[in-house]
Amino acid sequence: MKRSHFFIALCAAIFLALIIIPNRASAQAPPPPPSKPEQTPIDGGLFLLAAAGGGYAIKKLRQSEK
């Protein structure tokens, strides 16, 4: 009977070791949290696009009056 208790204790110890050791033996630290995304500046490109749209609208309005 003593031998079966030893065998159960040994199996329990091995089982616990197999569960605990991989958590402790990480190869690397977790990655850092992502940084805030940079804001895209709205500069001359948007102004040129708006001016081109306005010019196209004026052209279409003048063509529709003719």
PDB file of N, CA and C in Angstrom:
ATOM      1  N   MET A   1       0.811  -1.188   0.000  1.00  0.00           N
ATOM      2  CA  MET A   1       0.000   0.000   0.000  1.00  0.00           C
ATOM      3  C   MET A   1       0.862   1.262   0.000  1.00  0.00           C
ATOM      4  N   LYS A   2       1.995   1.199   0.671  1.00  0.00           N
ATOM      5  CA  LYS A   2       2.879   2.333   0.742  1.00  0.00           C
ATOM      6  C   LYS A   2       3.423   2.691  -0.638  1.00  0.00           C
ATOM      7  N   ARG A   3       3.671   1.677  -1.433  1.00  0.00           N
ATOM      8  CA  ARG A   3       4.246   1.905  -2.751  1.00  0.00           C
ATOM      9  C   ARG A   3       3.237   2.628  -3.661  1.00  0.00           C
ATOM     10  N   SER A   4       1.950   2.351  -3.558  1.00  0.00           N
ATOM     11  CA  SER A   4       0.951   3.018  -4.400  1.00  0.00           C
ATOM     12  C   SER A   4       0.815   4.495  -4.021  1.00  0.00           C
ATOM     13  N   HIS A   5       0.936   4.825  -2.749  1.00  0.00           N
ATOM     14  CA  HIS A   5       0.894   6.221  -2.335  1.00  0.00           C
ATOM     15  C   HIS A   5       2.093   6.987  -2.896  1.00  0.00           C
ATOM     16  N   PHE A   6       3.245   6.342  -2.855  1.00  0.00           N
ATOM     17  CA  PHE A   6       4.443   6.957  -3.431  1.00  0.00           C
ATOM     18  C   PHE A   6       4.263   7.186  -4.929  1.00  0.00           C
ATOM     19  N   PHE A   7       3.690   6.199  -5.627  1.00  0.00           N
ATOM     20  CA  PHE A   7       3.476   6.319  -7.072  1.00  0.00           C
ATOM     21  C   PHE A   7       2.489   7.437  -7.384  1.00  0.00           C
ATOM     22  N   ILE A   8       1.423   7.568  -6.618  1.00  0.00           N
ATOM     23  CA  ILE A   8       0.429   8.632  -6.822  1.00  0.00           C
ATOM     24  C   ILE A   8       1.063   9.990  -6.551  1.00  0.00           C
ATOM     25  N   ALA A   9       1.858  10.105  -5.505  1.00  0.00           N
ATOM     26  CA  ALA A   9       2.526  11.372  -5.185  1.00  0.00           C
ATOM     27  C   ALA A   9       3.530  11.739  -6.269  1.00  0.00           C
ATOM     28  N   LEU A  10       4.254  10.740  -6.788  1.00  0.00           N
ATOM     29  CA  LEU A  10       5.219  11.002  -7.849  1.00  0.00           C
ATOM     30  C   LEU A  10       4.516  11.469  -9.123  1.00  0.00           C
ATOM     31  N   CYS A  11       3.428  10.824  -9.478  1.00  0.00           N
ATOM     32  CA  CYS A  11       2.664  11.232 -10.673  1.00  0.00           C
ATOM     33  C   CYS A  11       2.099  12.640 -10.503  1.00  0.00           C
ATOM     34  N   ALA A  12       1.610  12.956  -9.317  1.00  0.00           N
ATOM     35  CA  ALA A  12       1.073  14.291  -9.051  1.00  0.00           C
ATOM     36  C   ALA A  12       2.174  15.341  -9.147  1.00  0.00           C
ATOM     37  N   ALA A  13       3.353  15.045  -8.636  1.00  0.00           N
ATOM     38  CA  ALA A  13       4.470  15.991  -8.698  1.00  0.00           C
ATOM     39  C   ALA A  13       4.910  16.218 -10.138  1.00  0.00           C
ATOM     40  N   ILE A  14       4.985  15.142 -10.908  1.00  0.00           N
ATOM     41  CA  ILE A  14       5.379  15.284 -12.315  1.00  0.00           C
ATOM     42  C   ILE A  14       4.330  16.079 -13.073  1.00  0.00           C
ATOM     43  N   PHE A  15       3.055  15.802 -12.826  1.00  0.00           N
ATOM     44  CA  PHE A  15       1.970  16.527 -13.490  1.00  0.00           C
ATOM     45  C   PHE A  15       2.026  18.019 -13.163  1.00  0.00           C
ATOM     46  N   LEU A  16       2.189  18.355 -11.905  1.00  0.00           N
ATOM     47  CA  LEU A  16       2.279  19.760 -11.514  1.00  0.00           C
ATOM     48  C   LEU A  16       3.506  20.429 -12.111  1.00  0.00           C
ATOM     49  N   ALA A  17       4.623  19.715 -12.170  1.00  0.00           N
ATOM     50  CA  ALA A  17       5.838  20.284 -12.751  1.00  0.00           C
ATOM     51  C   ALA A  17       5.636  20.571 -14.243  1.00  0.00           C
ATOM     52  N   LEU A  18       4.942  19.675 -14.934  1.00  0.00           N
ATOM     53  CA  LEU A  18       4.703  19.890 -16.364  1.00  0.00           C
ATOM     54  C   LEU A  18       3.756  21.053 -16.622  1.00  0.00           C
ATOM     55  N   ILE A  19       2.915  21.367 -15.673  1.00  0.00           N
ATOM     56  CA  ILE A  19       2.001  22.503 -15.824  1.00  0.00           C
ATOM     57  C   ILE A  19       2.691  23.811 -15.449  1.00  0.00           C
ATOM     58  N   ILE A  20       3.473  23.825 -14.378  1.00  0.00           N
ATOM     59  CA  ILE A  20       4.053  25.069 -13.850  1.00  0.00           C
ATOM     60  C   ILE A  20       5.308  25.493 -14.603  1.00  0.00           C
ATOM     61  N   ILE A  21       6.194  24.572 -14.946  1.00  0.00           N
ATOM     62  CA  ILE A  21       7.483  24.927 -15.545  1.00  0.00           C
ATOM     63  C   ILE A  21       7.348  25.676 -16.876  1.00  0.00           C
ATOM     64  N   PRO A  22       6.487  25.284 -17.813  1.00  0.00           N
ATOM     65  CA  PRO A  22       6.403  26.052 -19.063  1.00  0.00           C
ATOM     66  C   PRO A  22       5.995  27.509 -18.859  1.00  0.00           C
ATOM     67  N   ASN A  23       5.192  27.792 -17.855  1.00  0.00           N
ATOM     68  CA  ASN A  23       4.820  29.183 -17.592  1.00  0.00           C
ATOM     69  C   ASN A  23       6.006  29.997 -17.084  1.00  0.00           C
ATOM     70  N   ARG A  24       6.887  29.361 -16.344  1.00  0.00           N
ATOM     71  CA  ARG A  24       8.049  30.045 -15.789  1.00  0.00           C
ATOM     72  C   ARG A  24       9.207  30.132 -16.780  1.00  0.00           C
ATOM     73  N   ALA A  25       9.218  29.307 -17.777  1.00  0.00           N
ATOM     74  CA  ALA A  25      10.350  29.227 -18.698  1.00  0.00           C
ATOM     75  C   ALA A  25      10.050  29.932 -20.017  1.00  0.00           C
ATOM     76  N   SER A  26       9.510  31.114 -19.955  1.00  0.00           N
ATOM     77  CA  SER A  26       9.235  31.872 -21.169  1.00  0.00           C
ATOM     78  C   SER A  26      10.541  32.277 -21.831  1.00  0.00           C
ATOM     79  N   ALA A  27      10.580  32.204 -23.142  1.00  0.00           N
ATOM     80  CA  ALA A  27      11.806  32.524 -23.863  1.00  0.00           C
ATOM     81  C   ALA A  27      11.992  34.025 -24.021  1.00  0.00           C
ATOM     82  N   GLN A  28      10.900  34.771 -24.026  1.00  0.00           N
ATOM     83  CA  GLN A  28      11.015  36.211 -24.217  1.00  0.00           C
ATOM     84  C   GLN A  28       9.872  36.904 -23.483  1.00  0.00           C
ATOM     85  N   ALA A  29      10.055  38.184 -23.272  1.00  0.00           N
ATOM     86  CA  ALA A  29       9.023  38.971 -22.605  1.00  0.00           C
ATOM     87  C   ALA A  29       7.896  39.256 -23.599  1.00  0.00           C
ATOM     88  N   PRO A  30       6.706  39.540 -23.114  1.00  0.00           N
ATOM     89  CA  PRO A  30       5.617  39.872 -24.037  1.00  0.00           C
ATOM     90  C   PRO A  30       5.921  41.179 -24.767  1.00  0.00           C
ATOM     91  N   PRO A  31       5.361  41.369 -25.950  1.00  0.00           N
ATOM     92  CA  PRO A  31       5.646  42.591 -26.705  1.00  0.00           C
ATOM     93  C   PRO A  31       5.078  43.820 -25.999  1.00  0.00           C
ATOM     94  N   PRO A  32       5.704  44.973 -26.194  1.00  0.00           N
ATOM     95  CA  PRO A  32       5.201  46.195 -25.549  1.00  0.00           C
ATOM     96  C   PRO A  32       3.863  46.593 -26.171  1.00  0.00           C
ATOM     97  N   PRO A  33       3.062  47.350 -25.445  1.00  0.00           N
ATOM     98  CA  PRO A  33       1.780  47.780 -26.010  1.00  0.00           C
ATOM     99  C   PRO A  33       2.011  48.712 -27.201  1.00  0.00           C
ATOM    100  N   PRO A  34       1.103  48.713 -28.161  1.00  0.00           N
ATOM    101  CA  PRO A  34       1.301  49.578 -29.336  1.00  0.00           C
ATOM    102  C   PRO A  34       1.227  51.051 -28.954  1.00  0.00           C
ATOM    103  N   SER A  35       2.007  51.851 -29.641  1.00  0.00           N
ATOM    104  CA  SER A  35       2.008  53.287 -29.366  1.00  0.00           C
ATOM    105  C   SER A  35       0.831  53.937 -30.091  1.00  0.00           C
ATOM    106  N   LYS A  36       0.564  55.172 -29.734  1.00  0.00           N
ATOM    107  CA  LYS A  36      -0.535  55.889 -30.370  1.00  0.00           C
ATOM    108  C   LYS A  36      -0.192  56.149 -31.833  1.00  0.00           C
ATOM    109  N   PRO A  37      -1.164  56.003 -32.740  1.00  0.00           N
ATOM    110  CA  PRO A  37      -0.859  56.285 -34.143  1.00  0.00           C
ATOM    111  C   PRO A  37      -0.618  57.777 -34.358  1.00  0.00           C
ATOM    112  N   GLU A  38       0.265  58.072 -35.261  1.00  0.00           N
ATOM    113  CA  GLU A  38       0.559  59.472 -35.552  1.00  0.00           C
ATOM    114  C   GLU A  38      -0.582  60.072 -36.362  1.00  0.00           C
ATOM    115  N   GLN A  39      -0.884  61.325 -36.090  1.00  0.00           N
ATOM    116  CA  GLN A  39      -1.943  62.012 -36.816  1.00  0.00           C
ATOM    117  C   GLN A  39      -1.413  62.471 -38.172  1.00  0.00           C
ATOM    118  N   THR A  40      -2.207  62.300 -39.200  1.00  0.00           N
ATOM    119  CA  THR A  40      -1.816  62.723 -40.541  1.00  0.00           C
ATOM    120  C   THR A  40      -2.168  64.192 -40.711  1.00  0.00           C
ATOM    121  N   PRO A  41      -1.197  65.021 -41.066  1.00  0.00           N
ATOM    122  CA  PRO A  41      -1.495  66.440 -41.233  1.00  0.00           C
ATOM    123  C   PRO A  41      -2.307  66.682 -42.510  1.00  0.00           C
ATOM    124  N   ILE A  42      -3.257  67.589 -42.404  1.00  0.00           N
ATOM    125  CA  ILE A  42      -4.045  67.991 -43.577  1.00  0.00           C
ATOM    126  C   ILE A  42      -3.429  69.303 -44.049  1.00  0.00           C
ATOM    127  N   ASP A  43      -2.777  69.259 -45.207  1.00  0.00           N
ATOM    128  CA  ASP A  43      -2.088  70.452 -45.676  1.00  0.00           C
ATOM    129  C   ASP A  43      -2.499  70.771 -47.103  1.00  0.00           C
ATOM    130  N   GLY A  44      -1.582  71.168 -47.936  1.00  0.00           N
ATOM    131  CA  GLY A  44      -1.854  71.655 -49.286  1.00  0.00           C
ATOM    132  C   GLY A  44      -2.590  70.667 -50.175  1.00  0.00           C
ATOM    133  N   GLY A  45      -2.433  69.385 -49.971  1.00  0.00           N
ATOM    134  CA  GLY A  45      -3.091  68.403 -50.819  1.00  0.00           C
ATOM    135  C   GLY A  45      -4.600  68.505 -50.757  1.00  0.00           C
ATOM    136  N   LEU A  46      -5.144  68.704 -49.562  1.00  0.00           N
ATOM    137  CA  LEU A  46      -6.593  68.830 -49.412  1.00  0.00           C
ATOM    138  C   LEU A  46      -7.079  70.130 -50.042  1.00  0.00           C
ATOM    139  N   PHE A  47      -6.314  71.190 -49.892  1.00  0.00           N
ATOM    140  CA  PHE A  47      -6.698  72.474 -50.504  1.00  0.00           C
ATOM    141  C   PHE A  47      -6.727  72.359 -52.022  1.00  0.00           C
ATOM    142  N   LEU A  48      -5.726  71.696 -52.611  1.00  0.00           N
ATOM    143  CA  LEU A  48      -5.705  71.530 -54.065  1.00  0.00           C
ATOM    144  C   LEU A  48      -6.876  70.675 -54.554  1.00  0.00           C
ATOM    145  N   LEU A  49      -7.215  69.658 -53.811  1.00  0.00           N
ATOM    146  CA  LEU A  49      -8.348  68.806 -54.165  1.00  0.00           C
ATOM    147  C   LEU A  49      -9.657  69.587 -54.102  1.00  0.00           C
ATOM    148  N   ALA A  50      -9.836  70.401 -53.074  1.00  0.00           N
ATOM    149  CA  ALA A  50     -11.043  71.218 -52.951  1.00  0.00           C
ATOM    150  C   ALA A  50     -11.107  72.259 -54.063  1.00  0.00           C
ATOM    151  N   ALA A  51      -9.971  72.864 -54.412  1.00  0.00           N
ATOM    152  CA  ALA A  51      -9.951  73.861 -55.486  1.00  0.00           C
ATOM    153  C   ALA A  51     -10.275  73.209 -56.832  1.00  0.00           C
ATOM    154  N   ALA A  52      -9.742  72.019 -57.072  1.00  0.00           N
ATOM    155  CA  ALA A  52     -10.038  71.320 -58.319  1.00  0.00           C
ATOM    156  C   ALA A  52     -11.518  70.949 -58.389  1.00  0.00           C
ATOM    157  N   GLY A  53     -12.093  70.503 -57.282  1.00  0.00           N
ATOM    158  CA  GLY A  53     -13.523  70.179 -57.250  1.00  0.00           C
ATOM    159  C   GLY A  53     -14.380  71.412 -57.480  1.00  0.00           C
ATOM    160  N   GLY A  54     -13.996  72.513 -56.871  1.00  0.00           N
ATOM    161  CA  GLY A  54     -14.733  73.767 -57.087  1.00  0.00           C
ATOM    162  C   GLY A  54     -14.653  74.221 -58.532  1.00  0.00           C
ATOM    163  N   GLY A  55     -13.458  74.131 -59.118  1.00  0.00           N
ATOM    164  CA  GLY A  55     -13.296  74.517 -60.529  1.00  0.00           C
ATOM    165  C   GLY A  55     -14.115  73.630 -61.451  1.00  0.00           C
ATOM    166  N   TYR A  56     -14.164  72.358 -61.178  1.00  0.00           N
ATOM    167  CA  TYR A  56     -14.943  71.423 -61.997  1.00  0.00           C
ATOM    168  C   TYR A  56     -16.438  71.725 -61.867  1.00  0.00           C
ATOM    169  N   ALA A  57     -16.877  72.053 -60.638  1.00  0.00           N
ATOM    170  CA  ALA A  57     -18.292  72.397 -60.431  1.00  0.00           C
ATOM    171  C   ALA A  57     -18.664  73.664 -61.197  1.00  0.00           C
ATOM    172  N   ILE A  58     -17.798  74.672 -61.155  1.00  0.00           N
ATOM    173  CA  ILE A  58     -18.062  75.913 -61.899  1.00  0.00           C
ATOM    174  C   ILE A  58     -18.114  75.627 -63.389  1.00  0.00           C
ATOM    175  N   LYS A  59     -17.220  74.817 -63.914  1.00  0.00           N
ATOM    176  CA  LYS A  59     -17.193  74.467 -65.327  1.00  0.00           C
ATOM    177  C   LYS A  59     -18.497  73.768 -65.727  1.00  0.00           C
ATOM    178  N   LYS A  60     -18.967  72.830 -64.907  1.00  0.00           N
ATOM    179  CA  LYS A  60     -20.201  72.098 -65.218  1.00  0.00           C
ATOM    180  C   LYS A  60     -21.414  73.042 -65.140  1.00  0.00           C
ATOM    181  N   LEU A  61     -21.434  73.964 -64.191  1.00  0.00           N
ATOM    182  CA  LEU A  61     -22.538  74.906 -64.101  1.00  0.00           C
ATOM    183  C   LEU A  61     -22.589  75.815 -65.331  1.00  0.00           C
ATOM    184  N   ARG A  62     -21.440  76.272 -65.802  1.00  0.00           N
ATOM    185  CA  ARG A  62     -21.408  77.136 -67.009  1.00  0.00           C
ATOM    186  C   ARG A  62     -21.819  76.364 -68.249  1.00  0.00           C
ATOM    187  N   GLN A  63     -21.439  75.083 -68.333  1.00  0.00           N
ATOM    188  CA  GLN A  63     -21.832  74.261 -69.492  1.00  0.00           C
ATOM    189  C   GLN A  63     -23.332  73.990 -69.489  1.00  0.00           C
ATOM    190  N   SER A  64     -23.920  73.822 -68.300  1.00  0.00           N
ATOM    191  CA  SER A  64     -25.355  73.525 -68.242  1.00  0.00           C
ATOM    192  C   SER A  64     -26.195  74.760 -68.560  1.00  0.00           C
ATOM    193  N   GLU A  65     -25.648  75.978 -68.407  1.00  0.00           N
ATOM    194  CA  GLU A  65     -26.378  77.217 -68.725  1.00  0.00           C
ATOM    195  C   GLU A  65     -26.434  77.450 -70.232  1.00  0.00           C
ATOM    196  N   LYS A  66     -25.491  76.881 -70.982  1.00  0.00           N
ATOM    197  CA  LYS A  66     -25.440  77.116 -72.429  1.00  0.00           C
ATOM    198  C   LYS A  66     -26.436  76.305 -73.167  1.00  0.00           C
TER     199      LYS A  66
END
